[in-house]
Amino acid sequence: MSNGRKSPQGPASIQRMAEAVFESRGKALEWLESPINALRGEVPKQLLDTSEGRERVLQVLKTGNGRLQLKCS
């Protein structure tokens, strides 16, 4: 039974979206594997195992929240 919400995309789709956003596979992979301020310092790749985590990563990619900057050390 559906609750009316669209289920978040899978990890491969999110990686492709990141590649499109960054216009570079290398930059997308760096972003996916680095702590991100807009995700409270969490690493996007580590969030892709759950639907909630994928949704958070998608929101950052879609909105450009925090200008997709890496976490400052």
N, C-alpha and C. Protein backbone atom coordinates (compact mmCIF):
# COMPACT_ATOMS: atom_id res chain seq x y z
N MET A 1 0.84 -1.17 0.00
CA MET A 1 0.00 0.00 0.00
C MET A 1 0.89 1.24 0.00
N SER A 2 0.59 2.21 -0.82
CA SER A 2 1.38 3.42 -0.96
C SER A 2 0.87 4.50 -0.03
N ASN A 3 1.81 5.30 0.50
CA ASN A 3 1.41 6.41 1.35
C ASN A 3 1.34 7.72 0.56
N GLY A 4 1.47 7.62 -0.76
CA GLY A 4 1.38 8.79 -1.61
C GLY A 4 2.69 9.51 -1.84
N ARG A 5 3.73 9.13 -1.10
CA ARG A 5 5.04 9.75 -1.27
C ARG A 5 5.82 8.99 -2.30
N LYS A 6 6.52 9.72 -3.12
CA LYS A 6 7.39 9.10 -4.09
C LYS A 6 8.64 8.61 -3.37
N SER A 7 9.02 7.36 -3.61
CA SER A 7 10.19 6.84 -2.93
C SER A 7 11.46 7.47 -3.50
N PRO A 8 12.45 7.73 -2.63
CA PRO A 8 13.69 8.33 -3.08
C PRO A 8 14.40 7.47 -4.11
N GLN A 9 15.16 8.11 -4.96
CA GLN A 9 15.91 7.41 -5.98
C GLN A 9 17.00 6.56 -5.35
N GLY A 10 17.51 5.61 -6.13
CA GLY A 10 18.58 4.76 -5.65
C GLY A 10 19.92 5.45 -5.70
N PRO A 11 20.94 4.84 -5.05
CA PRO A 11 22.28 5.43 -5.01
C PRO A 11 22.87 5.74 -6.39
N ALA A 12 22.66 4.88 -7.37
CA ALA A 12 23.22 5.13 -8.72
C ALA A 12 22.58 6.37 -9.35
N SER A 13 21.29 6.55 -9.14
CA SER A 13 20.60 7.73 -9.67
C SER A 13 21.11 9.00 -9.00
N ILE A 14 21.36 8.91 -7.71
CA ILE A 14 21.86 10.07 -6.98
C ILE A 14 23.27 10.42 -7.45
N GLN A 15 24.09 9.40 -7.71
CA GLN A 15 25.44 9.68 -8.23
C GLN A 15 25.35 10.36 -9.59
N ARG A 16 24.46 9.88 -10.45
CA ARG A 16 24.30 10.51 -11.77
C ARG A 16 23.82 11.95 -11.63
N MET A 17 22.92 12.19 -10.67
CA MET A 17 22.45 13.56 -10.45
C MET A 17 23.61 14.45 -9.99
N ALA A 18 24.43 13.93 -9.08
CA ALA A 18 25.58 14.70 -8.60
C ALA A 18 26.54 15.00 -9.76
N GLU A 19 26.75 14.04 -10.64
CA GLU A 19 27.62 14.25 -11.81
C GLU A 19 27.06 15.36 -12.70
N ALA A 20 25.75 15.40 -12.85
CA ALA A 20 25.12 16.44 -13.66
C ALA A 20 25.25 17.80 -12.97
N VAL A 21 25.04 17.84 -11.67
CA VAL A 21 25.13 19.09 -10.92
C VAL A 21 26.55 19.67 -10.99
N PHE A 22 27.53 18.81 -10.78
CA PHE A 22 28.92 19.26 -10.75
C PHE A 22 29.57 19.29 -12.13
N GLU A 23 28.87 18.74 -13.12
CA GLU A 23 29.39 18.66 -14.49
C GLU A 23 30.75 17.97 -14.54
N SER A 24 30.94 17.03 -13.62
CA SER A 24 32.21 16.30 -13.54
C SER A 24 32.01 15.07 -12.65
N ARG A 25 32.41 13.92 -13.16
CA ARG A 25 32.31 12.70 -12.35
C ARG A 25 33.25 12.78 -11.15
N GLY A 26 34.46 13.29 -11.37
CA GLY A 26 35.44 13.39 -10.29
C GLY A 26 34.97 14.30 -9.16
N LYS A 27 34.42 15.45 -9.51
CA LYS A 27 33.94 16.38 -8.49
C LYS A 27 32.73 15.79 -7.76
N ALA A 28 31.88 15.10 -8.49
CA ALA A 28 30.72 14.47 -7.87
C ALA A 28 31.16 13.41 -6.87
N LEU A 29 32.12 12.58 -7.25
CA LEU A 29 32.60 11.54 -6.34
C LEU A 29 33.27 12.15 -5.12
N GLU A 30 34.02 13.23 -5.31
CA GLU A 30 34.65 13.90 -4.18
C GLU A 30 33.58 14.41 -3.22
N TRP A 31 32.53 15.02 -3.77
CA TRP A 31 31.44 15.54 -2.94
C TRP A 31 30.74 14.40 -2.20
N LEU A 32 30.46 13.31 -2.91
CA LEU A 32 29.76 12.18 -2.29
C LEU A 32 30.57 11.53 -1.17
N GLU A 33 31.89 11.68 -1.21
CA GLU A 33 32.76 11.01 -0.24
C GLU A 33 33.33 11.95 0.82
N SER A 34 32.83 13.19 0.87
CA SER A 34 33.35 14.19 1.81
C SER A 34 32.26 14.69 2.75
N PRO A 35 32.65 15.08 3.98
CA PRO A 35 31.67 15.68 4.88
C PRO A 35 31.12 16.97 4.27
N ILE A 36 29.81 17.16 4.36
CA ILE A 36 29.14 18.30 3.74
C ILE A 36 28.43 19.13 4.81
N ASN A 37 28.71 20.43 4.81
CA ASN A 37 28.09 21.34 5.79
C ASN A 37 26.57 21.23 5.77
N ALA A 38 25.97 21.23 4.60
CA ALA A 38 24.51 21.20 4.49
C ALA A 38 23.90 19.90 5.02
N LEU A 39 24.73 18.89 5.22
CA LEU A 39 24.28 17.62 5.79
C LEU A 39 24.79 17.46 7.22
N ARG A 40 25.06 18.60 7.86
CA ARG A 40 25.56 18.61 9.24
C ARG A 40 26.87 17.85 9.38
N GLY A 41 27.71 17.97 8.36
CA GLY A 41 29.02 17.35 8.41
C GLY A 41 29.04 15.87 8.06
N GLU A 42 27.90 15.33 7.65
CA GLU A 42 27.85 13.92 7.29
C GLU A 42 28.32 13.72 5.84
N VAL A 43 28.74 12.50 5.54
CA VAL A 43 29.22 12.14 4.21
C VAL A 43 28.05 11.59 3.39
N PRO A 44 27.73 12.22 2.25
CA PRO A 44 26.58 11.78 1.46
C PRO A 44 26.58 10.28 1.14
N LYS A 45 27.71 9.75 0.74
CA LYS A 45 27.78 8.34 0.37
C LYS A 45 27.34 7.43 1.52
N GLN A 46 27.63 7.84 2.74
CA GLN A 46 27.25 7.03 3.91
C GLN A 46 25.76 7.12 4.22
N LEU A 47 25.09 8.10 3.65
CA LEU A 47 23.66 8.27 3.88
C LEU A 47 22.80 7.53 2.85
N LEU A 48 23.43 6.99 1.81
CA LEU A 48 22.67 6.40 0.71
C LEU A 48 22.07 5.03 1.00
N ASP A 49 22.38 4.46 2.17
CA ASP A 49 21.86 3.13 2.51
C ASP A 49 20.41 3.15 2.97
N THR A 50 19.91 4.32 3.35
CA THR A 50 18.53 4.40 3.83
C THR A 50 17.73 5.37 2.96
N SER A 51 16.44 5.17 2.90
CA SER A 51 15.60 6.08 2.10
C SER A 51 15.62 7.49 2.70
N GLU A 52 15.65 7.59 4.01
CA GLU A 52 15.72 8.91 4.65
C GLU A 52 17.03 9.62 4.29
N GLY A 53 18.13 8.88 4.32
CA GLY A 53 19.43 9.46 3.97
C GLY A 53 19.48 9.88 2.51
N ARG A 54 18.94 9.04 1.63
CA ARG A 54 18.91 9.39 0.19
C ARG A 54 18.09 10.65 -0.03
N GLU A 55 16.98 10.77 0.69
CA GLU A 55 16.14 11.96 0.55
C GLU A 55 16.89 13.21 0.98
N ARG A 56 17.65 13.12 2.07
CA ARG A 56 18.44 14.27 2.53
C ARG A 56 19.48 14.68 1.49
N VAL A 57 20.17 13.70 0.92
CA VAL A 57 21.19 13.99 -0.10
C VAL A 57 20.53 14.60 -1.33
N LEU A 58 19.42 14.04 -1.74
CA LEU A 58 18.69 14.57 -2.91
C LEU A 58 18.28 16.02 -2.69
N GLN A 59 17.78 16.33 -1.51
CA GLN A 59 17.35 17.70 -1.23
C GLN A 59 18.52 18.67 -1.37
N VAL A 60 19.68 18.29 -0.88
CA VAL A 60 20.84 19.17 -0.99
C VAL A 60 21.23 19.34 -2.46
N LEU A 61 21.22 18.25 -3.21
CA LEU A 61 21.57 18.35 -4.63
C LEU A 61 20.55 19.19 -5.39
N LYS A 62 19.26 19.00 -5.10
CA LYS A 62 18.21 19.72 -5.83
C LYS A 62 18.20 21.21 -5.52
N THR A 63 18.45 21.56 -4.27
CA THR A 63 18.35 22.95 -3.86
C THR A 63 19.67 23.69 -3.92
N GLY A 64 20.78 22.94 -3.97
CA GLY A 64 22.08 23.59 -3.92
C GLY A 64 22.32 24.20 -2.55
N ASN A 65 21.61 23.69 -1.54
CA ASN A 65 21.70 24.21 -0.18
C ASN A 65 23.16 24.24 0.28
N GLY A 66 23.60 25.37 0.75
CA GLY A 66 24.97 25.48 1.20
C GLY A 66 25.95 25.53 0.03
N ARG A 67 25.44 25.78 -1.15
CA ARG A 67 26.25 25.83 -2.37
C ARG A 67 27.07 24.56 -2.56
N LEU A 68 26.59 23.46 -1.97
CA LEU A 68 27.21 22.15 -2.11
C LEU A 68 28.68 22.17 -1.70
N GLN A 69 29.00 23.01 -0.74
CA GLN A 69 30.38 23.12 -0.30
C GLN A 69 30.77 21.96 0.59
N LEU A 70 32.05 21.62 0.53
CA LEU A 70 32.60 20.63 1.42
C LEU A 70 32.71 21.24 2.80
N LYS A 71 32.70 20.39 3.82
CA LYS A 71 32.82 20.88 5.19
C LYS A 71 34.21 21.45 5.40
N CYS A 72 34.25 22.61 6.00
CA CYS A 72 35.54 23.24 6.31
C CYS A 72 36.15 22.54 7.51
N SER A 73 37.44 22.26 7.45
CA SER A 73 38.07 21.56 8.58
C SER A 73 38.72 22.53 9.53
